[in-house]
Amino acid sequence: MTAESLQALLRSSPHVWRGGETARVSARSSGYAALDARLPGGGWPIGALIEIAPKSDGCGELRLTLPALKSWCQDGKSVAFVRPPHVPYAPALAHHGLTLSSLLWVAADTDQDACWAAEQLLRDGAAAVLLWSSAREERALRRLQLAAETGKACAFLYRPPVLSSTSPAAVRIGLSPVDGGMNIDLVKVRGGQPGRFVLPLPRPAA
């Protein structure tokens, strides 16, 4: 076999990995070009755990996911809110383009129940699950990651503003408010570009 024919065989074989190549990541656009540019695959990675740690409630943590949630709703997929700190306000969600019939709200009594419910929803067809939890145990986080992988869904975990411990999450984001937008601290981005930047947010319509 000549060197040319060997190279041709290697190029044509789907079973050969070539150094310098990266695995293609399935992703859903976040709706923010500056954020997509830093995320693997150009958006929220599908089948992954994504941790979001806002410095305070109401600093834009939900708006960060709304464009993607809207796109899933438009595709006829379900989106679940599990144990949010406040009752989801239906008129506001509808104003942002989310189809209310595609939304689920789970008011779990305990953190453990919330994590269990999120796992089931991720496995059973929800396109995205937003879970508010203080879970830090690696086993609990890995169960969420595995459930997201199994269901090919996005698991958004909202947690207290401490990201010092290790985590199996593909993306870990710290948030803090700033005039006209929010400070994004991409602590961990598997296959993407970590770093800090300001993400401008349009003012809500009156």
N, C-alpha and C. Protein backbone atom coordinates (compact mmCIF):
# COMPACT_ATOMS: atom_id res chain seq x y z
N MET A 1 0.86 -1.20 0.00
CA MET A 1 0.00 0.00 0.00
C MET A 1 0.89 1.24 0.00
N THR A 2 0.60 2.14 -0.92
CA THR A 2 1.40 3.36 -1.01
C THR A 2 0.99 4.34 0.09
N ALA A 3 1.87 5.34 0.31
CA ALA A 3 1.57 6.36 1.33
C ALA A 3 0.31 7.13 0.96
N GLU A 4 0.10 7.37 -0.36
CA GLU A 4 -1.08 8.12 -0.80
C GLU A 4 -2.36 7.34 -0.52
N SER A 5 -2.34 6.04 -0.82
CA SER A 5 -3.54 5.24 -0.61
C SER A 5 -3.84 5.08 0.88
N LEU A 6 -2.78 5.01 1.71
CA LEU A 6 -2.98 4.92 3.15
C LEU A 6 -3.62 6.19 3.70
N GLN A 7 -3.15 7.35 3.23
CA GLN A 7 -3.73 8.62 3.67
C GLN A 7 -5.19 8.72 3.25
N ALA A 8 -5.49 8.25 2.03
CA ALA A 8 -6.87 8.30 1.54
C ALA A 8 -7.77 7.41 2.39
N LEU A 9 -7.26 6.24 2.79
CA LEU A 9 -8.03 5.33 3.63
C LEU A 9 -8.30 5.94 4.99
N LEU A 10 -7.28 6.58 5.57
CA LEU A 10 -7.44 7.20 6.89
C LEU A 10 -8.45 8.33 6.84
N ARG A 11 -8.42 9.12 5.75
CA ARG A 11 -9.34 10.25 5.64
C ARG A 11 -10.78 9.78 5.48
N SER A 12 -10.97 8.65 4.82
CA SER A 12 -12.34 8.19 4.53
C SER A 12 -12.95 7.37 5.66
N SER A 13 -12.13 6.90 6.60
CA SER A 13 -12.65 6.03 7.66
C SER A 13 -13.27 6.84 8.79
N PRO A 14 -14.55 6.54 9.17
CA PRO A 14 -15.19 7.26 10.28
C PRO A 14 -14.70 6.78 11.63
N HIS A 15 -13.89 5.70 11.65
CA HIS A 15 -13.44 5.10 12.91
C HIS A 15 -12.06 5.59 13.34
N VAL A 16 -11.50 6.50 12.57
CA VAL A 16 -10.15 6.99 12.88
C VAL A 16 -10.24 8.43 13.35
N TRP A 17 -9.69 8.69 14.54
CA TRP A 17 -9.63 10.05 15.07
C TRP A 17 -8.28 10.65 14.71
N ARG A 18 -8.31 11.88 14.21
CA ARG A 18 -7.09 12.57 13.82
C ARG A 18 -6.79 13.68 14.80
N GLY A 19 -5.55 13.75 15.26
CA GLY A 19 -5.15 14.77 16.22
C GLY A 19 -5.49 16.17 15.73
N GLY A 20 -5.96 17.01 16.66
CA GLY A 20 -6.34 18.36 16.30
C GLY A 20 -7.82 18.49 16.01
N GLU A 21 -8.51 17.37 15.80
CA GLU A 21 -9.94 17.42 15.57
C GLU A 21 -10.66 17.43 16.90
N THR A 22 -11.80 18.09 16.97
CA THR A 22 -12.61 18.07 18.18
C THR A 22 -13.97 17.47 17.85
N ALA A 23 -14.56 16.81 18.82
CA ALA A 23 -15.86 16.19 18.60
C ALA A 23 -16.91 17.27 18.36
N ARG A 24 -17.81 17.02 17.45
CA ARG A 24 -18.87 17.98 17.15
C ARG A 24 -19.87 17.97 18.30
N VAL A 25 -20.20 19.16 18.79
CA VAL A 25 -21.12 19.29 19.91
C VAL A 25 -22.48 19.72 19.40
N SER A 26 -23.52 18.97 19.77
CA SER A 26 -24.88 19.37 19.45
C SER A 26 -25.28 20.47 20.43
N ALA A 27 -25.81 21.57 19.92
CA ALA A 27 -26.10 22.71 20.78
C ALA A 27 -27.32 23.45 20.30
N ARG A 28 -27.91 24.22 21.20
CA ARG A 28 -29.03 25.11 20.92
C ARG A 28 -28.59 26.54 21.20
N SER A 29 -28.77 27.41 20.22
CA SER A 29 -28.33 28.79 20.40
C SER A 29 -28.94 29.40 21.66
N SER A 30 -28.12 30.15 22.41
CA SER A 30 -28.61 30.83 23.60
C SER A 30 -29.44 32.06 23.23
N GLY A 31 -29.32 32.50 21.99
CA GLY A 31 -30.00 33.71 21.56
C GLY A 31 -29.15 34.96 21.74
N TYR A 32 -27.94 34.79 22.29
CA TYR A 32 -27.02 35.90 22.50
C TYR A 32 -25.72 35.58 21.78
N ALA A 33 -25.42 36.33 20.73
CA ALA A 33 -24.26 36.03 19.88
C ALA A 33 -22.96 36.03 20.67
N ALA A 34 -22.80 36.98 21.60
CA ALA A 34 -21.55 37.05 22.36
C ALA A 34 -21.35 35.82 23.24
N LEU A 35 -22.44 35.28 23.75
CA LEU A 35 -22.35 34.08 24.57
C LEU A 35 -22.15 32.84 23.71
N ASP A 36 -22.89 32.76 22.60
CA ASP A 36 -22.74 31.60 21.70
C ASP A 36 -21.31 31.45 21.20
N ALA A 37 -20.63 32.57 21.00
CA ALA A 37 -19.27 32.54 20.49
C ALA A 37 -18.32 31.85 21.45
N ARG A 38 -18.68 31.78 22.71
CA ARG A 38 -17.81 31.17 23.72
C ARG A 38 -18.27 29.77 24.15
N LEU A 39 -19.47 29.38 23.74
CA LEU A 39 -20.01 28.09 24.14
C LEU A 39 -19.67 27.01 23.12
N PRO A 40 -19.50 25.76 23.56
CA PRO A 40 -19.16 24.68 22.63
C PRO A 40 -20.29 24.43 21.65
N GLY A 41 -19.98 24.37 20.37
CA GLY A 41 -21.00 24.14 19.36
C GLY A 41 -21.81 25.37 19.03
N GLY A 42 -21.48 26.51 19.64
CA GLY A 42 -22.20 27.74 19.35
C GLY A 42 -23.51 27.88 20.07
N GLY A 43 -23.62 27.32 21.26
CA GLY A 43 -24.85 27.44 22.03
C GLY A 43 -24.84 26.54 23.26
N TRP A 44 -26.00 26.44 23.92
CA TRP A 44 -26.09 25.56 25.09
C TRP A 44 -25.90 24.12 24.64
N PRO A 45 -24.94 23.38 25.20
CA PRO A 45 -24.70 21.99 24.77
C PRO A 45 -25.85 21.07 25.16
N ILE A 46 -26.32 20.31 24.18
CA ILE A 46 -27.41 19.36 24.41
C ILE A 46 -26.86 18.13 25.13
N GLY A 47 -27.65 17.58 26.06
CA GLY A 47 -27.22 16.41 26.80
C GLY A 47 -26.19 16.74 27.85
N ALA A 48 -26.33 17.92 28.45
CA ALA A 48 -25.32 18.38 29.40
C ALA A 48 -25.94 19.09 30.59
N LEU A 49 -25.17 19.10 31.66
CA LEU A 49 -25.52 19.86 32.86
C LEU A 49 -24.88 21.23 32.77
N ILE A 50 -25.67 22.27 32.99
CA ILE A 50 -25.20 23.66 32.90
C ILE A 50 -25.50 24.34 34.22
N GLU A 51 -24.48 24.76 34.94
CA GLU A 51 -24.67 25.41 36.23
C GLU A 51 -24.67 26.92 36.06
N ILE A 52 -25.65 27.57 36.66
CA ILE A 52 -25.75 29.02 36.64
C ILE A 52 -25.84 29.51 38.08
N ALA A 53 -24.90 30.33 38.48
CA ALA A 53 -24.82 30.80 39.87
C ALA A 53 -24.96 32.32 39.92
N PRO A 54 -26.18 32.84 40.07
CA PRO A 54 -26.36 34.29 40.15
C PRO A 54 -25.93 34.84 41.50
N LYS A 55 -25.33 36.02 41.49
CA LYS A 55 -24.90 36.64 42.74
C LYS A 55 -26.09 37.01 43.61
N SER A 56 -27.22 37.33 42.94
CA SER A 56 -28.45 37.65 43.65
C SER A 56 -29.64 37.30 42.77
N ASP A 57 -30.78 37.06 43.38
CA ASP A 57 -31.98 36.78 42.60
C ASP A 57 -32.36 37.99 41.76
N GLY A 58 -32.81 37.72 40.53
CA GLY A 58 -33.30 38.79 39.68
C GLY A 58 -32.24 39.57 38.94
N CYS A 59 -31.03 39.02 38.81
CA CYS A 59 -29.97 39.74 38.10
C CYS A 59 -29.91 39.35 36.62
N GLY A 60 -30.93 38.65 36.15
CA GLY A 60 -30.98 38.27 34.74
C GLY A 60 -30.80 36.79 34.50
N GLU A 61 -30.79 35.99 35.58
CA GLU A 61 -30.50 34.56 35.43
C GLU A 61 -31.53 33.83 34.58
N LEU A 62 -32.80 34.23 34.66
CA LEU A 62 -33.81 33.57 33.83
C LEU A 62 -33.78 34.09 32.40
N ARG A 63 -33.55 35.39 32.24
CA ARG A 63 -33.48 35.97 30.89
C ARG A 63 -32.35 35.36 30.07
N LEU A 64 -31.34 34.83 30.76
CA LEU A 64 -30.22 34.21 30.06
C LEU A 64 -30.68 32.98 29.27
N THR A 65 -31.72 32.32 29.73
CA THR A 65 -32.18 31.09 29.07
C THR A 65 -33.44 31.29 28.23
N LEU A 66 -34.13 32.43 28.36
CA LEU A 66 -35.43 32.60 27.72
C LEU A 66 -35.42 32.43 26.20
N PRO A 67 -34.43 32.97 25.45
CA PRO A 67 -34.47 32.77 24.00
C PRO A 67 -34.43 31.29 23.60
N ALA A 68 -33.60 30.51 24.29
CA ALA A 68 -33.53 29.08 23.98
C ALA A 68 -34.82 28.37 24.38
N LEU A 69 -35.38 28.74 25.53
CA LEU A 69 -36.64 28.14 25.96
C LEU A 69 -37.74 28.43 24.95
N LYS A 70 -37.76 29.65 24.43
CA LYS A 70 -38.74 30.02 23.41
C LYS A 70 -38.60 29.14 22.18
N SER A 71 -37.37 28.90 21.75
CA SER A 71 -37.16 28.10 20.54
C SER A 71 -37.60 26.66 20.75
N TRP A 72 -37.38 26.12 21.95
CA TRP A 72 -37.85 24.76 22.22
C TRP A 72 -39.37 24.71 22.21
N CYS A 73 -40.01 25.71 22.80
CA CYS A 73 -41.47 25.76 22.80
C CYS A 73 -42.00 25.82 21.38
N GLN A 74 -41.34 26.60 20.53
CA GLN A 74 -41.77 26.71 19.13
C GLN A 74 -41.63 25.38 18.40
N ASP A 75 -40.72 24.53 18.87
CA ASP A 75 -40.54 23.21 18.28
C ASP A 75 -41.51 22.19 18.85
N GLY A 76 -42.38 22.64 19.77
CA GLY A 76 -43.34 21.73 20.39
C GLY A 76 -42.77 20.90 21.52
N LYS A 77 -41.59 21.30 22.03
CA LYS A 77 -40.96 20.57 23.13
C LYS A 77 -41.40 21.14 24.48
N SER A 78 -41.30 20.33 25.51
CA SER A 78 -41.68 20.78 26.84
C SER A 78 -40.47 21.32 27.60
N VAL A 79 -40.74 22.28 28.45
CA VAL A 79 -39.74 22.91 29.31
C VAL A 79 -40.27 22.89 30.74
N ALA A 80 -39.43 22.53 31.70
CA ALA A 80 -39.89 22.39 33.08
C ALA A 80 -39.13 23.31 34.03
N PHE A 81 -39.87 23.91 34.96
CA PHE A 81 -39.31 24.70 36.05
C PHE A 81 -39.49 23.88 37.33
N VAL A 82 -38.40 23.51 37.97
CA VAL A 82 -38.47 22.67 39.15
C VAL A 82 -37.99 23.43 40.38
N ARG A 83 -38.90 23.62 41.30
CA ARG A 83 -38.67 24.30 42.56
C ARG A 83 -38.04 25.69 42.40
N PRO A 84 -38.63 26.54 41.55
CA PRO A 84 -38.12 27.91 41.43
C PRO A 84 -38.40 28.68 42.72
N PRO A 85 -37.63 29.72 43.02
CA PRO A 85 -37.82 30.47 44.26
C PRO A 85 -39.12 31.27 44.28
N HIS A 86 -39.70 31.52 43.09
CA HIS A 86 -40.96 32.25 43.01
C HIS A 86 -41.88 31.52 42.04
N VAL A 87 -43.17 31.71 42.20
CA VAL A 87 -44.14 31.12 41.28
C VAL A 87 -43.92 31.71 39.88
N PRO A 88 -43.75 30.88 38.87
CA PRO A 88 -43.55 31.41 37.50
C PRO A 88 -44.74 32.29 37.11
N TYR A 89 -44.43 33.47 36.57
CA TYR A 89 -45.46 34.44 36.21
C TYR A 89 -45.83 34.23 34.74
N ALA A 90 -46.96 33.58 34.53
CA ALA A 90 -47.36 33.18 33.18
C ALA A 90 -47.41 34.33 32.18
N PRO A 91 -48.01 35.48 32.50
CA PRO A 91 -48.06 36.57 31.51
C PRO A 91 -46.67 37.01 31.03
N ALA A 92 -45.71 37.06 31.95
CA ALA A 92 -44.35 37.47 31.56
C ALA A 92 -43.71 36.43 30.65
N LEU A 93 -43.91 35.16 30.96
CA LEU A 93 -43.34 34.10 30.13
C LEU A 93 -43.97 34.13 28.74
N ALA A 94 -45.27 34.34 28.68
CA ALA A 94 -45.95 34.42 27.38
C ALA A 94 -45.47 35.64 26.60
N HIS A 95 -45.21 36.74 27.31
CA HIS A 95 -44.70 37.95 26.65
C HIS A 95 -43.36 37.69 25.97
N HIS A 96 -42.56 36.81 26.55
CA HIS A 96 -41.25 36.48 25.98
C HIS A 96 -41.35 35.37 24.93
N GLY A 97 -42.57 34.98 24.57
CA GLY A 97 -42.76 34.04 23.47
C GLY A 97 -42.84 32.59 23.86
N LEU A 98 -42.87 32.27 25.15
CA LEU A 98 -42.96 30.88 25.57
C LEU A 98 -44.42 30.41 25.49
N THR A 99 -44.63 29.23 24.96
CA THR A 99 -45.96 28.65 24.85
C THR A 99 -46.33 28.04 26.19
N LEU A 100 -47.34 28.57 26.83
CA LEU A 100 -47.67 28.15 28.19
C LEU A 100 -48.03 26.66 28.26
N SER A 101 -48.64 26.14 27.22
CA SER A 101 -49.02 24.73 27.23
C SER A 101 -47.80 23.80 27.19
N SER A 102 -46.63 24.35 26.84
CA SER A 102 -45.40 23.56 26.79
C SER A 102 -44.62 23.61 28.10
N LEU A 103 -45.11 24.41 29.07
CA LEU A 103 -44.37 24.61 30.31
C LEU A 103 -44.92 23.75 31.45
N LEU A 104 -44.00 23.25 32.25
CA LEU A 104 -44.35 22.48 33.45
C LEU A 104 -43.75 23.18 34.66
N TRP A 105 -44.47 23.16 35.76
CA TRP A 105 -43.99 23.74 37.01
C TRP A 105 -44.10 22.68 38.09
N VAL A 106 -42.97 22.33 38.70
CA VAL A 106 -42.93 21.33 39.76
C VAL A 106 -42.55 22.02 41.07
N ALA A 107 -43.48 22.06 42.01
CA ALA A 107 -43.23 22.70 43.32
C ALA A 107 -42.88 21.61 44.33
N ALA A 108 -41.67 21.10 44.24
CA ALA A 108 -41.22 20.02 45.13
C ALA A 108 -41.06 20.53 46.55
N ASP A 109 -41.34 19.65 47.52
CA ASP A 109 -41.25 20.04 48.93
C ASP A 109 -39.82 20.13 49.43
N THR A 110 -38.95 19.26 48.93
CA THR A 110 -37.57 19.21 49.41
C THR A 110 -36.60 19.26 48.24
N ASP A 111 -35.36 19.58 48.55
CA ASP A 111 -34.32 19.62 47.53
C ASP A 111 -34.12 18.25 46.90
N GLN A 112 -34.19 17.22 47.72
CA GLN A 112 -34.02 15.86 47.22
C GLN A 112 -35.14 15.50 46.24
N ASP A 113 -36.37 15.86 46.60
CA ASP A 113 -37.49 15.59 45.70
C ASP A 113 -37.34 16.36 44.40
N ALA A 114 -36.83 17.59 44.48
CA ALA A 114 -36.65 18.41 43.29
C ALA A 114 -35.64 17.78 42.34
N CYS A 115 -34.53 17.30 42.88
CA CYS A 115 -33.51 16.65 42.05
C CYS A 115 -34.06 15.39 41.39
N TRP A 116 -34.85 14.62 42.16
CA TRP A 116 -35.44 13.39 41.61
C TRP A 116 -36.39 13.74 40.47
N ALA A 117 -37.24 14.74 40.67
CA ALA A 117 -38.19 15.14 39.63
C ALA A 117 -37.46 15.63 38.39
N ALA A 118 -36.39 16.40 38.58
CA ALA A 118 -35.62 16.90 37.44
C ALA A 118 -35.03 15.74 36.64
N GLU A 119 -34.51 14.75 37.32
CA GLU A 119 -33.94 13.58 36.62
C GLU A 119 -34.99 12.91 35.75
N GLN A 120 -36.19 12.70 36.31
CA GLN A 120 -37.24 12.01 35.56
C GLN A 120 -37.65 12.82 34.33
N LEU A 121 -37.78 14.11 34.50
CA LEU A 121 -38.18 14.97 33.38
C LEU A 121 -37.11 14.98 32.29
N LEU A 122 -35.85 15.02 32.68
CA LEU A 122 -34.76 15.00 31.70
C LEU A 122 -34.75 13.70 30.91
N ARG A 123 -35.02 12.61 31.58
CA ARG A 123 -35.01 11.31 30.93
C ARG A 123 -36.23 11.08 30.05
N ASP A 124 -37.35 11.70 30.43
CA ASP A 124 -38.64 11.34 29.83
C ASP A 124 -39.15 12.31 28.78
N GLY A 125 -38.30 13.16 28.23
CA GLY A 125 -38.73 13.92 27.07
C GLY A 125 -38.71 15.43 27.15
N ALA A 126 -38.46 16.00 28.32
CA ALA A 126 -38.37 17.46 28.39
C ALA A 126 -37.12 17.92 27.63
N ALA A 127 -37.26 18.98 26.85
CA ALA A 127 -36.09 19.50 26.12
C ALA A 127 -35.14 20.21 27.05
N ALA A 128 -35.69 20.86 28.08
CA ALA A 128 -34.87 21.58 29.05
C ALA A 128 -35.56 21.56 30.41
N VAL A 129 -34.75 21.41 31.43
CA VAL A 129 -35.25 21.46 32.81
C VAL A 129 -34.45 22.51 33.56
N LEU A 130 -35.15 23.45 34.18
CA LEU A 130 -34.52 24.47 35.01
C LEU A 130 -34.76 24.07 36.46
N LEU A 131 -33.69 23.76 37.17
CA LEU A 131 -33.77 23.27 38.54
C LEU A 131 -33.07 24.24 39.48
N TRP A 132 -33.78 24.66 40.52
CA TRP A 132 -33.18 25.49 41.55
C TRP A 132 -32.85 24.59 42.73
N SER A 133 -31.56 24.42 43.00
CA SER A 133 -31.13 23.45 44.01
C SER A 133 -29.78 23.87 44.59
N SER A 134 -29.58 23.49 45.84
CA SER A 134 -28.29 23.74 46.48
C SER A 134 -27.42 22.49 46.50
N ALA A 135 -27.80 21.49 45.71
CA ALA A 135 -27.06 20.22 45.68
C ALA A 135 -25.60 20.45 45.32
N ARG A 136 -24.70 19.88 46.10
CA ARG A 136 -23.27 19.99 45.85
C ARG A 136 -22.59 18.63 45.74
N GLU A 137 -23.27 17.59 46.22
CA GLU A 137 -22.65 16.27 46.21
C GLU A 137 -22.39 15.83 44.77
N GLU A 138 -21.20 15.33 44.53
CA GLU A 138 -20.83 14.94 43.16
C GLU A 138 -21.77 13.87 42.62
N ARG A 139 -22.24 12.96 43.48
CA ARG A 139 -23.14 11.91 43.02
C ARG A 139 -24.44 12.49 42.48
N ALA A 140 -25.02 13.47 43.19
CA ALA A 140 -26.26 14.09 42.76
C ALA A 140 -26.07 14.83 41.44
N LEU A 141 -24.95 15.52 41.30
CA LEU A 141 -24.68 16.26 40.08
C LEU A 141 -24.46 15.31 38.90
N ARG A 142 -23.78 14.21 39.16
CA ARG A 142 -23.54 13.25 38.08
C ARG A 142 -24.85 12.59 37.64
N ARG A 143 -25.78 12.38 38.55
CA ARG A 143 -27.07 11.82 38.18
C ARG A 143 -27.82 12.77 37.25
N LEU A 144 -27.73 14.06 37.53
CA LEU A 144 -28.36 15.04 36.65
C LEU A 144 -27.69 15.06 35.28
N GLN A 145 -26.37 15.00 35.27
CA GLN A 145 -25.63 14.98 34.01
C GLN A 145 -26.00 13.74 33.20
N LEU A 146 -26.06 12.60 33.85
CA LEU A 146 -26.40 11.35 33.15
C LEU A 146 -27.82 11.41 32.61
N ALA A 147 -28.75 11.97 33.39
CA ALA A 147 -30.13 12.07 32.94
C ALA A 147 -30.23 12.98 31.72
N ALA A 148 -29.46 14.07 31.71
CA ALA A 148 -29.45 14.96 30.56
C ALA A 148 -28.89 14.25 29.32
N GLU A 149 -27.82 13.49 29.51
CA GLU A 149 -27.24 12.73 28.40
C GLU A 149 -28.24 11.72 27.86
N THR A 150 -28.92 11.01 28.75
CA THR A 150 -29.86 9.98 28.34
C THR A 150 -31.02 10.58 27.55
N GLY A 151 -31.54 11.71 28.03
CA GLY A 151 -32.68 12.32 27.37
C GLY A 151 -32.33 13.32 26.29
N LYS A 152 -31.02 13.51 26.05
CA LYS A 152 -30.57 14.51 25.08
C LYS A 152 -31.24 15.86 25.36
N ALA A 153 -31.14 16.27 26.62
CA ALA A 153 -31.80 17.50 27.08
C ALA A 153 -30.77 18.42 27.72
N CYS A 154 -31.20 19.64 28.01
CA CYS A 154 -30.36 20.59 28.73
C CYS A 154 -30.83 20.67 30.18
N ALA A 155 -29.92 20.47 31.10
CA ALA A 155 -30.22 20.58 32.53
C ALA A 155 -29.59 21.86 33.05
N PHE A 156 -30.41 22.88 33.29
CA PHE A 156 -29.93 24.14 33.84
C PHE A 156 -30.09 24.08 35.36
N LEU A 157 -28.99 24.10 36.06
CA LEU A 157 -29.01 24.04 37.51
C LEU A 157 -28.68 25.41 38.08
N TYR A 158 -29.68 26.04 38.70
CA TYR A 158 -29.47 27.31 39.38
C TYR A 158 -29.07 27.02 40.81
N ARG A 159 -27.92 27.52 41.20
CA ARG A 159 -27.39 27.21 42.52
C ARG A 159 -26.84 28.47 43.19
N PRO A 160 -26.57 28.38 44.51
CA PRO A 160 -26.00 29.54 45.21
C PRO A 160 -24.70 30.01 44.55
N PRO A 161 -24.33 31.29 44.75
CA PRO A 161 -23.18 31.88 44.03
C PRO A 161 -21.82 31.44 44.52
N VAL A 162 -21.60 30.12 44.55
CA VAL A 162 -20.29 29.58 44.93
C VAL A 162 -19.97 28.47 43.95
N LEU A 163 -18.90 28.65 43.15
CA LEU A 163 -18.53 27.66 42.14
C LEU A 163 -17.11 27.15 42.37
N SER A 164 -16.73 27.05 43.64
CA SER A 164 -15.36 26.65 43.93
C SER A 164 -15.17 25.14 43.90
N SER A 165 -16.23 24.37 44.20
CA SER A 165 -16.10 22.92 44.23
C SER A 165 -16.07 22.36 42.81
N THR A 166 -15.63 21.12 42.69
CA THR A 166 -15.59 20.47 41.38
C THR A 166 -17.00 20.06 40.97
N SER A 167 -17.19 19.87 39.69
CA SER A 167 -18.51 19.52 39.19
C SER A 167 -18.37 18.85 37.82
N PRO A 168 -19.27 17.90 37.50
CA PRO A 168 -19.25 17.28 36.18
C PRO A 168 -19.93 18.14 35.11
N ALA A 169 -20.43 19.32 35.48
CA ALA A 169 -21.12 20.18 34.53
C ALA A 169 -20.23 20.54 33.35
N ALA A 170 -20.83 20.62 32.17
CA ALA A 170 -20.09 21.01 30.97
C ALA A 170 -19.84 22.51 30.94
N VAL A 171 -20.77 23.26 31.52
CA VAL A 171 -20.67 24.72 31.55
C VAL A 171 -21.01 25.19 32.96
N ARG A 172 -20.20 26.12 33.49
CA ARG A 172 -20.45 26.72 34.82
C ARG A 172 -20.34 28.23 34.67
N ILE A 173 -21.40 28.93 35.04
CA ILE A 173 -21.47 30.37 34.82
C ILE A 173 -21.79 31.10 36.11
N GLY A 174 -21.00 32.11 36.43
CA GLY A 174 -21.31 33.01 37.52
C GLY A 174 -21.91 34.28 36.94
N LEU A 175 -22.94 34.82 37.59
CA LEU A 175 -23.62 36.02 37.10
C LEU A 175 -23.65 37.10 38.16
N SER A 176 -23.54 38.34 37.72
CA SER A 176 -23.73 39.48 38.61
C SER A 176 -24.28 40.63 37.78
N PRO A 177 -25.11 41.50 38.39
CA PRO A 177 -25.76 42.56 37.62
C PRO A 177 -24.80 43.70 37.27
N VAL A 178 -25.11 44.35 36.18
CA VAL A 178 -24.38 45.55 35.75
C VAL A 178 -25.37 46.39 34.96
N ASP A 179 -25.18 47.71 34.94
CA ASP A 179 -26.11 48.58 34.22
C ASP A 179 -26.24 48.16 32.76
N GLY A 180 -27.47 47.89 32.36
CA GLY A 180 -27.74 47.54 30.97
C GLY A 180 -27.48 46.10 30.61
N GLY A 181 -27.14 45.25 31.58
CA GLY A 181 -26.88 43.86 31.25
C GLY A 181 -26.42 43.07 32.46
N MET A 182 -25.52 42.13 32.23
CA MET A 182 -25.00 41.32 33.33
C MET A 182 -23.55 40.93 33.06
N ASN A 183 -22.81 40.77 34.14
CA ASN A 183 -21.45 40.26 34.05
C ASN A 183 -21.50 38.74 33.95
N ILE A 184 -20.88 38.19 32.94
CA ILE A 184 -20.83 36.74 32.73
C ILE A 184 -19.43 36.25 33.07
N ASP A 185 -19.36 35.32 34.00
CA ASP A 185 -18.07 34.70 34.35
C ASP A 185 -18.15 33.23 33.98
N LEU A 186 -17.57 32.91 32.83
CA LEU A 186 -17.56 31.51 32.37
C LEU A 186 -16.42 30.79 33.07
N VAL A 187 -16.75 30.21 34.21
CA VAL A 187 -15.75 29.54 35.04
C VAL A 187 -15.25 28.26 34.37
N LYS A 188 -16.18 27.56 33.71
CA LYS A 188 -15.82 26.30 33.05
C LYS A 188 -16.66 26.17 31.79
N VAL A 189 -16.01 25.90 30.67
CA VAL A 189 -16.71 25.69 29.41
C VAL A 189 -15.99 24.57 28.67
N ARG A 190 -16.49 23.38 28.80
CA ARG A 190 -15.84 22.24 28.17
C ARG A 190 -15.92 22.37 26.65
N GLY A 191 -14.77 22.57 26.01
CA GLY A 191 -14.74 22.73 24.56
C GLY A 191 -15.02 24.13 24.09
N GLY A 192 -15.14 25.08 25.03
CA GLY A 192 -15.43 26.46 24.66
C GLY A 192 -14.35 27.41 25.15
N GLN A 193 -14.74 28.66 25.41
CA GLN A 193 -13.78 29.68 25.80
C GLN A 193 -14.18 30.30 27.14
N PRO A 194 -13.56 29.87 28.23
CA PRO A 194 -13.85 30.49 29.52
C PRO A 194 -13.36 31.93 29.57
N GLY A 195 -13.88 32.69 30.52
CA GLY A 195 -13.47 34.08 30.66
C GLY A 195 -14.63 34.93 31.14
N ARG A 196 -14.38 36.23 31.28
CA ARG A 196 -15.39 37.16 31.76
C ARG A 196 -15.71 38.20 30.69
N PHE A 197 -16.97 38.57 30.62
CA PHE A 197 -17.38 39.63 29.71
C PHE A 197 -18.75 40.14 30.15
N VAL A 198 -19.13 41.29 29.62
CA VAL A 198 -20.43 41.89 29.92
C VAL A 198 -21.39 41.55 28.79
N LEU A 199 -22.55 41.01 29.14
CA LEU A 199 -23.56 40.68 28.16
C LEU A 199 -24.67 41.73 28.23
N PRO A 200 -24.78 42.58 27.21
CA PRO A 200 -25.86 43.59 27.23
C PRO A 200 -27.23 42.92 27.12
N LEU A 201 -28.19 43.47 27.83
CA LEU A 201 -29.56 42.97 27.75
C LEU A 201 -30.48 44.12 27.37
N PRO A 202 -31.33 43.89 26.38
CA PRO A 202 -32.29 44.96 26.02
C PRO A 202 -33.26 45.19 27.16
N ARG A 203 -33.66 46.43 27.32
CA ARG A 203 -34.62 46.75 28.37
C ARG A 203 -35.97 46.13 28.04
N PRO A 204 -36.66 45.57 29.04
CA PRO A 204 -37.98 45.00 28.77
C PRO A 204 -38.94 46.06 28.23
N ALA A 205 -39.77 45.66 27.30
CA ALA A 205 -40.76 46.57 26.74
C ALA A 205 -41.76 46.98 27.82
N ALA A 206 -42.21 48.19 27.76
CA ALA A 206 -43.17 48.67 28.75
C ALA A 206 -44.50 47.96 28.58
